[in-house]
Amino acid sequence: MVNKKQEAAAPGPVAPVRPWDLPRFRNWLAVARVHQLWKKVFGEALAPLGIQVAHYDVLANIAHVPGLTQQALAEKLLVGRSAMSMLLPELERRGLIERRADESDRRLRRLWLTPDGQALTERAMAIHVERLEAMMTVLSDAECDAVGEMMRRIAASMAR
């Protein structure tokens, strides 16, 4: 005969673990919320320039590495060819970028800012700097460095 203590100790159905049951969920959610809020705030700040965050990502990366290949840009931005095939022609039609064949390998297309693209990118980068400083001012330099180091460790772990 089974007594009440044995009955209470007997294994029953195991409840599935939910994300919010995990101790680290709160921190993950904070990172995700900051990312979403940044996209919203930065997107609103870029809107008067007639560009979206995705456009800015392309333009800023070409400004940083003139002559970047389309493939390298897609890898850097963690997007597929389809996303690039939508963004690049639009920026090209607007006269902001040029796509040129690589001199040594005609299969590669290299990306360059036009003078209009350079001017627009400079204005957008000024907005980026302003919003980034405003966002991060709530942290000390040491806290900011610690957050960055932690996020780089997480990214490296995920990339493996």
Protein backbone atom coordinates (compact mmCIF):
# COMPACT_ATOMS: atom_id res chain seq x y z
CA MET A 1 0.00 0.00 0.00
CA VAL A 2 1.30 3.49 -0.94
CA ASN A 3 1.16 6.11 1.77
CA LYS A 4 0.61 9.84 1.24
CA LYS A 5 4.33 10.71 1.53
CA GLN A 6 5.26 8.18 -1.14
CA GLU A 7 2.44 9.41 -3.34
CA ALA A 8 3.63 13.05 -3.05
CA ALA A 9 7.22 12.04 -3.85
CA ALA A 10 6.27 9.96 -6.87
CA PRO A 11 7.33 11.57 -10.12
CA GLY A 12 4.49 13.07 -12.07
CA PRO A 13 4.39 14.74 -15.42
CA VAL A 14 7.29 17.16 -15.83
CA ALA A 15 6.24 20.67 -16.72
CA PRO A 16 8.03 22.04 -19.78
CA VAL A 17 10.60 24.74 -19.13
CA ARG A 18 9.46 28.10 -20.44
CA PRO A 19 11.84 30.95 -21.39
CA TRP A 20 10.60 33.13 -18.52
CA ASP A 21 11.43 30.30 -16.09
CA LEU A 22 15.13 30.69 -16.86
CA PRO A 23 17.17 32.95 -14.55
CA ARG A 24 18.88 34.60 -17.55
CA PHE A 25 15.64 35.42 -19.40
CA ARG A 26 15.36 38.86 -17.80
CA ASN A 27 18.83 39.82 -19.05
CA TRP A 28 18.24 38.42 -22.53
CA LEU A 29 14.97 40.36 -22.69
CA ALA A 30 16.78 43.57 -21.68
CA VAL A 31 19.26 43.14 -24.55
CA ALA A 32 16.47 42.37 -27.02
CA ARG A 33 14.46 45.42 -25.88
CA VAL A 34 17.45 47.73 -26.21
CA HIS A 35 18.03 46.42 -29.74
CA GLN A 36 14.39 47.02 -30.72
CA LEU A 37 14.31 50.46 -29.10
CA TRP A 38 17.55 51.42 -30.84
CA LYS A 39 16.13 50.44 -34.23
CA LYS A 40 13.04 52.57 -33.51
CA VAL A 41 14.88 55.64 -32.19
CA PHE A 42 17.62 55.53 -34.82
CA GLY A 43 15.13 54.83 -37.60
CA GLU A 44 13.07 57.87 -36.57
CA ALA A 45 16.22 60.02 -36.50
CA LEU A 46 17.21 58.88 -40.01
CA ALA A 47 13.73 59.35 -41.52
CA PRO A 48 14.23 63.05 -42.42
CA LEU A 49 17.20 61.96 -44.56
CA GLY A 50 14.95 59.58 -46.50
CA ILE A 51 16.78 56.44 -45.41
CA GLN A 52 16.10 53.53 -43.10
CA VAL A 53 18.49 51.73 -40.75
CA ALA A 54 19.16 49.03 -43.38
CA HIS A 55 20.17 51.72 -45.90
CA TYR A 56 22.42 53.34 -43.32
CA ASP A 57 24.10 50.02 -42.55
CA VAL A 58 25.01 49.63 -46.22
CA LEU A 59 26.15 53.22 -46.69
CA ALA A 60 28.20 53.37 -43.48
CA ASN A 61 29.96 50.10 -44.26
CA ILE A 62 30.87 51.28 -47.76
CA ALA A 63 32.12 54.57 -46.27
CA HIS A 64 34.23 52.59 -43.81
CA VAL A 65 35.61 50.21 -46.47
CA PRO A 66 35.35 51.77 -49.94
CA GLY A 67 35.37 49.11 -52.64
CA LEU A 68 33.85 46.47 -50.37
CA THR A 69 32.45 43.53 -52.31
CA GLN A 70 28.73 42.81 -52.26
CA GLN A 71 29.42 39.39 -50.72
CA ALA A 72 31.64 40.81 -47.97
CA LEU A 73 28.98 43.40 -47.16
CA ALA A 74 26.26 40.74 -46.92
CA GLU A 75 28.46 38.66 -44.60
CA LYS A 76 29.30 41.66 -42.44
CA LEU A 77 25.64 42.63 -42.10
CA LEU A 78 24.57 39.01 -41.54
CA VAL A 79 22.05 39.17 -44.38
CA GLY A 80 21.45 37.02 -47.40
CA ARG A 81 21.86 37.78 -51.07
CA SER A 82 18.14 38.49 -51.44
CA ALA A 83 18.32 41.34 -48.94
CA MET A 84 21.34 42.78 -50.75
CA SER A 85 19.63 42.37 -54.11
CA MET A 86 16.80 44.58 -52.86
CA LEU A 87 18.84 47.26 -51.09
CA LEU A 88 21.71 47.82 -53.51
CA PRO A 89 19.67 48.54 -56.66
CA GLU A 90 17.52 51.00 -54.70
CA LEU A 91 20.58 52.88 -53.41
CA GLU A 92 22.08 52.79 -56.90
CA ARG A 93 18.87 54.19 -58.48
CA ARG A 94 18.93 57.00 -55.94
CA GLY A 95 22.48 57.85 -57.01
CA LEU A 96 24.00 57.05 -53.61
CA ILE A 97 26.23 54.10 -54.55
CA GLU A 98 27.98 52.66 -57.58
CA ARG A 99 28.56 48.98 -58.22
CA ARG A 100 31.66 48.33 -60.30
CA ALA A 101 33.17 45.10 -61.57
CA ASP A 102 36.43 44.13 -59.85
CA GLU A 103 39.40 44.75 -62.13
CA SER A 104 41.02 41.37 -61.45
CA ASP A 105 37.89 39.24 -61.05
CA ARG A 106 34.94 40.36 -63.16
CA ARG A 107 32.57 38.13 -61.19
CA LEU A 108 32.98 40.36 -58.13
CA ARG A 109 31.13 43.63 -57.77
CA ARG A 110 32.69 46.32 -55.60
CA LEU A 111 30.70 49.08 -53.92
CA TRP A 112 31.52 52.78 -53.83
CA LEU A 113 29.70 55.84 -52.54
CA THR A 114 28.90 58.56 -55.03
CA PRO A 115 29.50 62.18 -53.95
CA ASP A 116 25.78 62.42 -53.04
CA GLY A 117 26.05 59.13 -51.16
CA GLN A 118 29.11 60.36 -49.28
CA ALA A 119 27.34 63.59 -48.28
CA LEU A 120 24.23 61.75 -47.10
CA THR A 121 26.30 59.17 -45.23
CA GLU A 122 28.23 61.91 -43.41
CA ARG A 123 24.96 63.45 -42.24
CA ALA A 124 23.64 60.05 -41.16
CA MET A 125 26.86 59.20 -39.32
CA ALA A 126 26.58 62.47 -37.38
CA ILE A 127 23.09 61.42 -36.29
CA HIS A 128 24.44 57.97 -35.39
CA VAL A 129 27.18 59.46 -33.21
CA GLU A 130 24.72 61.84 -31.52
CA ARG A 131 22.15 59.10 -30.74
CA LEU A 132 24.80 56.60 -29.68
CA GLU A 133 26.33 59.06 -27.23
CA ALA A 134 22.89 59.95 -25.84
CA MET A 135 22.01 56.28 -25.39
CA MET A 136 25.27 55.25 -23.75
CA THR A 137 25.67 58.27 -21.47
CA VAL A 138 23.78 56.43 -18.70
CA LEU A 139 26.81 54.13 -18.36
CA SER A 140 30.28 54.93 -17.09
CA ASP A 141 33.15 54.20 -19.48
CA ALA A 142 33.98 51.07 -17.45
CA GLU A 143 30.37 49.86 -17.57
CA CYS A 144 30.17 50.52 -21.29
CA ASP A 145 33.41 48.57 -21.86
CA ALA A 146 32.12 45.70 -19.70
CA VAL A 147 28.83 45.49 -21.63
CA GLY A 148 30.73 45.49 -24.91
CA GLU A 149 33.11 42.76 -23.79
CA MET A 150 30.23 40.59 -22.61
CA MET A 151 28.31 41.02 -25.87
CA ARG A 152 31.46 40.19 -27.91
CA ARG A 153 31.92 36.99 -25.87
CA ILE A 154 28.30 36.00 -26.44
CA ALA A 155 28.57 36.77 -30.17
CA ALA A 156 31.79 34.73 -30.48
CA SER A 157 30.14 31.82 -28.68
CA MET A 158 27.09 31.96 -30.96
CA ALA A 159 29.26 32.17 -34.08
CA ARG A 160 31.01 28.88 -33.21
